[in-house]
């Protein structure tokens, strides 16, 4: 199932998107879908990294040397 989303863009961003779509031969919808997907993946990665960082600090793993000692 698909969902339709309406987004308002500033004139500058809309123009940049239009130029990029023409330059790459892609449609704007595909570019926006790919951009959102990449953004959401990066957010999940950052969240995981923050969580692991906190766990590492609680375990006393603060430096790379601490990590290497922990896995050796």
PDB file of N, CA and C in Angstrom:
ATOM      1  N   UNK A   1       0.829  -1.177   0.000  1.00  0.00           N
ATOM      2  CA  UNK A   1       0.000   0.000   0.000  1.00  0.00           C
ATOM      3  C   UNK A   1       0.878   1.246   0.000  1.00  0.00           C
ATOM      4  N   UNK A   2       0.472   2.240  -0.714  1.00  0.00           N
ATOM      5  CA  UNK A   2       1.225   3.490  -0.798  1.00  0.00           C
ATOM      6  C   UNK A   2       0.495   4.599  -0.073  1.00  0.00           C
ATOM      7  N   UNK A   3       1.242   5.575   0.351  1.00  0.00           N
ATOM      8  CA  UNK A   3       0.679   6.748   1.007  1.00  0.00           C
ATOM      9  C   UNK A   3       1.160   7.982   0.257  1.00  0.00           C
ATOM     10  N   UNK A   4       0.294   8.943   0.080  1.00  0.00           N
ATOM     11  CA  UNK A   4       0.649  10.177  -0.611  1.00  0.00           C
ATOM     12  C   UNK A   4       0.918  11.249   0.434  1.00  0.00           C
ATOM     13  N   UNK A   5       2.003  11.984   0.235  1.00  0.00           N
ATOM     14  CA  UNK A   5       2.399  13.030   1.164  1.00  0.00           C
ATOM     15  C   UNK A   5       2.594  14.314   0.377  1.00  0.00           C
ATOM     16  N   UNK A   6       2.016  15.368   0.841  1.00  0.00           N
ATOM     17  CA  UNK A   6       2.184  16.674   0.212  1.00  0.00           C
ATOM     18  C   UNK A   6       3.179  17.467   1.042  1.00  0.00           C
ATOM     19  N   UNK A   7       4.183  18.032   0.390  1.00  0.00           N
ATOM     20  CA  UNK A   7       5.224  18.772   1.100  1.00  0.00           C
ATOM     21  C   UNK A   7       5.381  20.146   0.463  1.00  0.00           C
ATOM     22  N   UNK A   8       5.462  21.165   1.292  1.00  0.00           N
ATOM     23  CA  UNK A   8       5.723  22.521   0.800  1.00  0.00           C
ATOM     24  C   UNK A   8       7.219  22.785   0.891  1.00  0.00           C
ATOM     25  N   UNK A   9       7.788  23.241  -0.217  1.00  0.00           N
ATOM     26  CA  UNK A   9       9.214  23.547  -0.274  1.00  0.00           C
ATOM     27  C   UNK A   9       9.392  25.030  -0.566  1.00  0.00           C
ATOM     28  N   UNK A  10      10.471  25.580  -0.044  1.00  0.00           N
ATOM     29  CA  UNK A  10      10.794  26.959  -0.411  1.00  0.00           C
ATOM     30  C   UNK A  10      11.101  26.981  -1.909  1.00  0.00           C
ATOM     31  N   UNK A  11      11.000  28.152  -2.504  1.00  0.00           N
ATOM     32  CA  UNK A  11      11.277  28.257  -3.947  1.00  0.00           C
ATOM     33  C   UNK A  11      12.696  27.805  -4.269  1.00  0.00           C
ATOM     34  N   UNK A  12      13.635  28.141  -3.392  1.00  0.00           N
ATOM     35  CA  UNK A  12      15.039  27.783  -3.640  1.00  0.00           C
ATOM     36  C   UNK A  12      15.236  26.266  -3.620  1.00  0.00           C
ATOM     37  N   UNK A  13      14.683  25.595  -2.602  1.00  0.00           N
ATOM     38  CA  UNK A  13      14.835  24.139  -2.526  1.00  0.00           C
ATOM     39  C   UNK A  13      14.116  23.472  -3.691  1.00  0.00           C
ATOM     40  N   UNK A  14      12.940  23.981  -4.031  1.00  0.00           N
ATOM     41  CA  UNK A  14      12.196  23.423  -5.172  1.00  0.00           C
ATOM     42  C   UNK A  14      12.999  23.570  -6.460  1.00  0.00           C
ATOM     43  N   UNK A  15      13.638  24.719  -6.640  1.00  0.00           N
ATOM     44  CA  UNK A  15      14.454  24.941  -7.838  1.00  0.00           C
ATOM     45  C   UNK A  15      15.672  24.018  -7.847  1.00  0.00           C
ATOM     46  N   UNK A  16      16.306  23.843  -6.689  1.00  0.00           N
ATOM     47  CA  UNK A  16      17.457  22.936  -6.606  1.00  0.00           C
ATOM     48  C   UNK A  16      17.044  21.508  -6.931  1.00  0.00           C
ATOM     49  N   UNK A  17      15.912  21.095  -6.398  1.00  0.00           N
ATOM     50  CA  UNK A  17      15.401  19.753  -6.663  1.00  0.00           C
ATOM     51  C   UNK A  17      15.102  19.581  -8.140  1.00  0.00           C
ATOM     52  N   UNK A  18      14.484  20.572  -8.736  1.00  0.00           N
ATOM     53  CA  UNK A  18      14.161  20.522 -10.171  1.00  0.00           C
ATOM     54  C   UNK A  18      15.434  20.407 -11.004  1.00  0.00           C
ATOM     55  N   UNK A  19      16.431  21.223 -10.690  1.00  0.00           N
ATOM     56  CA  UNK A  19      17.702  21.172 -11.433  1.00  0.00           C
ATOM     57  C   UNK A  19      18.380  19.814 -11.273  1.00  0.00           C
ATOM     58  N   UNK A  20      18.379  19.304 -10.048  1.00  0.00           N
ATOM     59  CA  UNK A  20      19.020  18.011  -9.788  1.00  0.00           C
ATOM     60  C   UNK A  20      18.289  16.894 -10.542  1.00  0.00           C
ATOM     61  N   UNK A  21      16.981  16.929 -10.529  1.00  0.00           N
ATOM     62  CA  UNK A  21      16.198  15.902 -11.229  1.00  0.00           C
ATOM     63  C   UNK A  21      16.502  15.930 -12.721  1.00  0.00           C
ATOM     64  N   UNK A  22      16.556  17.120 -13.303  1.00  0.00           N
ATOM     65  CA  UNK A  22      16.858  17.235 -14.736  1.00  0.00           C
ATOM     66  C   UNK A  22      18.277  16.773 -15.034  1.00  0.00           C
ATOM     67  N   UNK A  23      19.212  17.154 -14.173  1.00  0.00           N
ATOM     68  CA  UNK A  23      20.622  16.799 -14.402  1.00  0.00           C
ATOM     69  C   UNK A  23      20.862  15.299 -14.306  1.00  0.00           C
ATOM     70  N   UNK A  24      20.089  14.625 -13.463  1.00  0.00           N
ATOM     71  CA  UNK A  24      20.306  13.192 -13.253  1.00  0.00           C
ATOM     72  C   UNK A  24      19.318  12.323 -14.021  1.00  0.00           C
ATOM     73  N   UNK A  25      18.325  12.957 -14.636  1.00  0.00           N
ATOM     74  CA  UNK A  25      17.331  12.195 -15.387  1.00  0.00           C
ATOM     75  C   UNK A  25      16.380  11.394 -14.500  1.00  0.00           C
ATOM     76  N   UNK A  26      16.243  11.812 -13.267  1.00  0.00           N
ATOM     77  CA  UNK A  26      15.361  11.112 -12.323  1.00  0.00           C
ATOM     78  C   UNK A  26      14.156  11.987 -12.036  1.00  0.00           C
ATOM     79  N   UNK A  27      13.095  11.370 -11.525  1.00  0.00           N
ATOM     80  CA  UNK A  27      11.950  12.196 -11.171  1.00  0.00           C
ATOM     81  C   UNK A  27      12.070  12.662  -9.722  1.00  0.00           C
ATOM     82  N   UNK A  28      11.444  13.786  -9.437  1.00  0.00           N
ATOM     83  CA  UNK A  28      11.560  14.412  -8.120  1.00  0.00           C
ATOM     84  C   UNK A  28      11.032  13.495  -7.011  1.00  0.00           C
ATOM     85  N   UNK A  29       9.979  12.771  -7.296  1.00  0.00           N
ATOM     86  CA  UNK A  29       9.396  11.893  -6.283  1.00  0.00           C
ATOM     87  C   UNK A  29      10.398  10.829  -5.836  1.00  0.00           C
ATOM     88  N   UNK A  30      11.101  10.224  -6.790  1.00  0.00           N
ATOM     89  CA  UNK A  30      12.093   9.206  -6.428  1.00  0.00           C
ATOM     90  C   UNK A  30      13.240   9.801  -5.614  1.00  0.00           C
ATOM     91  N   UNK A  31      13.659  11.008  -5.967  1.00  0.00           N
ATOM     92  CA  UNK A  31      14.738  11.663  -5.224  1.00  0.00           C
ATOM     93  C   UNK A  31      14.302  11.934  -3.790  1.00  0.00           C
ATOM     94  N   UNK A  32      13.083  12.419  -3.609  1.00  0.00           N
ATOM     95  CA  UNK A  32      12.581  12.714  -2.266  1.00  0.00           C
ATOM     96  C   UNK A  32      12.416  11.428  -1.468  1.00  0.00           C
ATOM     97  N   UNK A  33      11.889  10.361  -2.087  1.00  0.00           N
ATOM     98  CA  UNK A  33      11.738   9.080  -1.379  1.00  0.00           C
ATOM     99  C   UNK A  33      13.089   8.550  -0.930  1.00  0.00           C
ATOM    100  N   UNK A  34      14.085   8.606  -1.811  1.00  0.00           N
ATOM    101  CA  UNK A  34      15.420   8.130  -1.460  1.00  0.00           C
ATOM    102  C   UNK A  34      16.017   8.985  -0.340  1.00  0.00           C
ATOM    103  N   UNK A  35      15.803  10.287  -0.401  1.00  0.00           N
ATOM    104  CA  UNK A  35      16.336  11.196   0.623  1.00  0.00           C
ATOM    105  C   UNK A  35      15.723  10.911   1.986  1.00  0.00           C
ATOM    106  N   UNK A  36      14.413  10.701   2.030  1.00  0.00           N
ATOM    107  CA  UNK A  36      13.739  10.399   3.295  1.00  0.00           C
ATOM    108  C   UNK A  36      14.220   9.061   3.843  1.00  0.00           C
ATOM    109  N   UNK A  37      14.339   8.075   2.976  1.00  0.00           N
ATOM    110  CA  UNK A  37      14.803   6.760   3.404  1.00  0.00           C
ATOM    111  C   UNK A  37      16.202   6.844   4.004  1.00  0.00           C
ATOM    112  N   UNK A  38      17.092   7.569   3.329  1.00  0.00           N
ATOM    113  CA  UNK A  38      18.461   7.735   3.829  1.00  0.00           C
ATOM    114  C   UNK A  38      18.467   8.481   5.153  1.00  0.00           C
ATOM    115  N   UNK A  39      17.668   9.524   5.278  1.00  0.00           N
ATOM    116  CA  UNK A  39      17.591  10.290   6.521  1.00  0.00           C
ATOM    117  C   UNK A  39      17.130   9.392   7.679  1.00  0.00           C
ATOM    118  N   UNK A  40      16.088   8.603   7.446  1.00  0.00           N
ATOM    119  CA  UNK A  40      15.574   7.736   8.509  1.00  0.00           C
ATOM    120  C   UNK A  40      16.594   6.670   8.899  1.00  0.00           C
ATOM    121  N   UNK A  41      17.320   6.122   7.921  1.00  0.00           N
ATOM    122  CA  UNK A  41      18.364   5.136   8.221  1.00  0.00           C
ATOM    123  C   UNK A  41      19.456   5.778   9.074  1.00  0.00           C
ATOM    124  N   UNK A  42      19.872   6.993   8.701  1.00  0.00           N
ATOM    125  CA  UNK A  42      20.916   7.682   9.463  1.00  0.00           C
ATOM    126  C   UNK A  42      20.455   7.995  10.887  1.00  0.00           C
ATOM    127  N   UNK A  43      19.197   8.349  11.058  1.00  0.00           N
ATOM    128  CA  UNK A  43      18.671   8.607  12.400  1.00  0.00           C
ATOM    129  C   UNK A  43      18.682   7.333  13.249  1.00  0.00           C
ATOM    130  N   UNK A  44      18.293   6.206  12.653  1.00  0.00           N
ATOM    131  CA  UNK A  44      18.349   4.933  13.400  1.00  0.00           C
ATOM    132  C   UNK A  44      19.784   4.610  13.784  1.00  0.00           C
ATOM    133  N   UNK A  45      20.724   4.848  12.880  1.00  0.00           N
ATOM    134  CA  UNK A  45      22.141   4.603  13.149  1.00  0.00           C
ATOM    135  C   UNK A  45      22.633   5.485  14.289  1.00  0.00           C
ATOM    136  N   UNK A  46      22.296   6.785  14.228  1.00  0.00           N
ATOM    137  CA  UNK A  46      22.726   7.708  15.297  1.00  0.00           C
ATOM    138  C   UNK A  46      22.141   7.302  16.643  1.00  0.00           C
ATOM    139  N   UNK A  47      20.882   6.900  16.646  1.00  0.00           N
ATOM    140  CA  UNK A  47      20.238   6.474  17.891  1.00  0.00           C
ATOM    141  C   UNK A  47      20.931   5.238  18.457  1.00  0.00           C
ATOM    142  N   UNK A  48      21.230   4.267  17.609  1.00  0.00           N
ATOM    143  CA  UNK A  48      21.929   3.061  18.050  1.00  0.00           C
ATOM    144  C   UNK A  48      23.310   3.406  18.586  1.00  0.00           C
ATOM    145  N   UNK A  49      23.993   4.292  17.880  1.00  0.00           N
ATOM    146  CA  UNK A  49      25.341   4.674  18.294  1.00  0.00           C
ATOM    147  C   UNK A  49      25.323   5.361  19.660  1.00  0.00           C
ATOM    148  N   UNK A  50      24.338   6.254  19.860  1.00  0.00           N
ATOM    149  CA  UNK A  50      24.225   6.915  21.163  1.00  0.00           C
ATOM    150  C   UNK A  50      23.963   5.891  22.260  1.00  0.00           C
ATOM    151  N   UNK A  51      23.070   4.952  22.003  1.00  0.00           N
ATOM    152  CA  UNK A  51      22.748   3.927  22.995  1.00  0.00           C
ATOM    153  C   UNK A  51      23.947   3.060  23.326  1.00  0.00           C
ATOM    154  N   UNK A  52      24.690   2.676  22.294  1.00  0.00           N
ATOM    155  CA  UNK A  52      25.881   1.855  22.526  1.00  0.00           C
ATOM    156  C   UNK A  52      26.956   2.647  23.244  1.00  0.00           C
ATOM    157  N   UNK A  53      27.050   3.937  22.930  1.00  0.00           N
ATOM    158  CA  UNK A  53      28.031   4.783  23.606  1.00  0.00           C
ATOM    159  C   UNK A  53      27.758   4.867  25.095  1.00  0.00           C
ATOM    160  N   UNK A  54      26.492   5.017  25.455  1.00  0.00           N
ATOM    161  CA  UNK A  54      26.135   5.070  26.876  1.00  0.00           C
ATOM    162  C   UNK A  54      26.434   3.745  27.568  1.00  0.00           C
ATOM    163  N   UNK A  55      26.114   2.626  26.903  1.00  0.00           N
ATOM    164  CA  UNK A  55      26.402   1.307  27.483  1.00  0.00           C
ATOM    165  C   UNK A  55      27.905   1.122  27.663  1.00  0.00           C
ATOM    166  N   UNK A  56      28.683   1.568  26.682  1.00  0.00           N
ATOM    167  CA  UNK A  56      30.137   1.440  26.766  1.00  0.00           C
ATOM    168  C   UNK A  56      30.682   2.249  27.943  1.00  0.00           C
ATOM    169  N   UNK A  57      30.184   3.464  28.115  1.00  0.00           N
ATOM    170  CA  UNK A  57      30.646   4.301  29.229  1.00  0.00           C
ATOM    171  C   UNK A  57      30.305   3.660  30.566  1.00  0.00           C
ATOM    172  N   UNK A  58      29.105   3.103  30.675  1.00  0.00           N
ATOM    173  CA  UNK A  58      28.714   2.436  31.928  1.00  0.00           C
ATOM    174  C   UNK A  58      29.586   1.209  32.200  1.00  0.00           C
ATOM    175  N   UNK A  59      30.088   0.601  31.123  1.00  0.00           N
ATOM    176  CA  UNK A  59      30.951  -0.568  31.287  1.00  0.00           C
ATOM    177  C   UNK A  59      32.417  -0.167  31.478  1.00  0.00           C
ATOM    178  N   UNK A  60      32.685   1.139  31.475  1.00  0.00           N
ATOM    179  CA  UNK A  60      34.054   1.601  31.666  1.00  0.00           C
ATOM    180  C   UNK A  60      34.866   1.652  30.395  1.00  0.00           C
ATOM    181  N   UNK A  61      34.209   1.541  29.259  1.00  0.00           N
ATOM    182  CA  UNK A  61      34.900   1.596  27.969  1.00  0.00           C
ATOM    183  C   UNK A  61      34.769   3.012  27.433  1.00  0.00           C
ATOM    184  N   UNK A  62      35.818   3.814  27.654  1.00  0.00           N
ATOM    185  CA  UNK A  62      35.753   5.216  27.284  1.00  0.00           C
ATOM    186  C   UNK A  62      36.637   5.522  26.077  1.00  0.00           C
ATOM    187  N   UNK A  63      37.789   4.887  26.002  1.00  0.00           N
ATOM    188  CA  UNK A  63      38.723   5.137  24.905  1.00  0.00           C
ATOM    189  C   UNK A  63      38.790   3.906  23.998  1.00  0.00           C
ATOM    190  N   UNK A  64      39.402   4.084  22.847  1.00  0.00           N
ATOM    191  CA  UNK A  64      39.612   2.950  21.943  1.00  0.00           C
ATOM    192  C   UNK A  64      40.489   1.891  22.617  1.00  0.00           C
ATOM    193  N   UNK A  65      41.442   2.351  23.402  1.00  0.00           N
ATOM    194  CA  UNK A  65      42.315   1.424  24.126  1.00  0.00           C
ATOM    195  C   UNK A  65      41.489   0.555  25.076  1.00  0.00           C
ATOM    196  N   UNK A  66      40.508   1.156  25.767  1.00  0.00           N
ATOM    197  CA  UNK A  66      39.636   0.401  26.661  1.00  0.00           C
ATOM    198  C   UNK A  66      38.883  -0.696  25.891  1.00  0.00           C
ATOM    199  N   UNK A  67      38.414  -0.335  24.712  1.00  0.00           N
ATOM    200  CA  UNK A  67      37.666  -1.298  23.883  1.00  0.00           C
ATOM    201  C   UNK A  67      38.580  -2.436  23.467  1.00  0.00           C
ATOM    202  N   UNK A  68      39.784  -2.111  23.020  1.00  0.00           N
ATOM    203  CA  UNK A  68      40.732  -3.148  22.587  1.00  0.00           C
ATOM    204  C   UNK A  68      41.086  -4.079  23.748  1.00  0.00           C
ATOM    205  N   UNK A  69      41.268  -3.525  24.928  1.00  0.00           N
ATOM    206  CA  UNK A  69      41.540  -4.355  26.102  1.00  0.00           C
ATOM    207  C   UNK A  69      40.349  -5.257  26.397  1.00  0.00           C
ATOM    208  N   UNK A  70      39.144  -4.721  26.232  1.00  0.00           N
ATOM    209  CA  UNK A  70      37.928  -5.470  26.516  1.00  0.00           C
ATOM    210  C   UNK A  70      37.695  -6.638  25.574  1.00  0.00           C
ATOM    211  N   UNK A  71      38.171  -6.525  24.324  1.00  0.00           N
ATOM    212  CA  UNK A  71      37.939  -7.614  23.379  1.00  0.00           C
ATOM    213  C   UNK A  71      39.143  -8.520  23.228  1.00  0.00           C
ATOM    214  N   UNK A  72      40.239  -8.186  23.881  1.00  0.00           N
ATOM    215  CA  UNK A  72      41.457  -8.993  23.781  1.00  0.00           C
ATOM    216  C   UNK A  72      41.396 -10.184  24.732  1.00  0.00           C
TER     217      UNK A  72
END
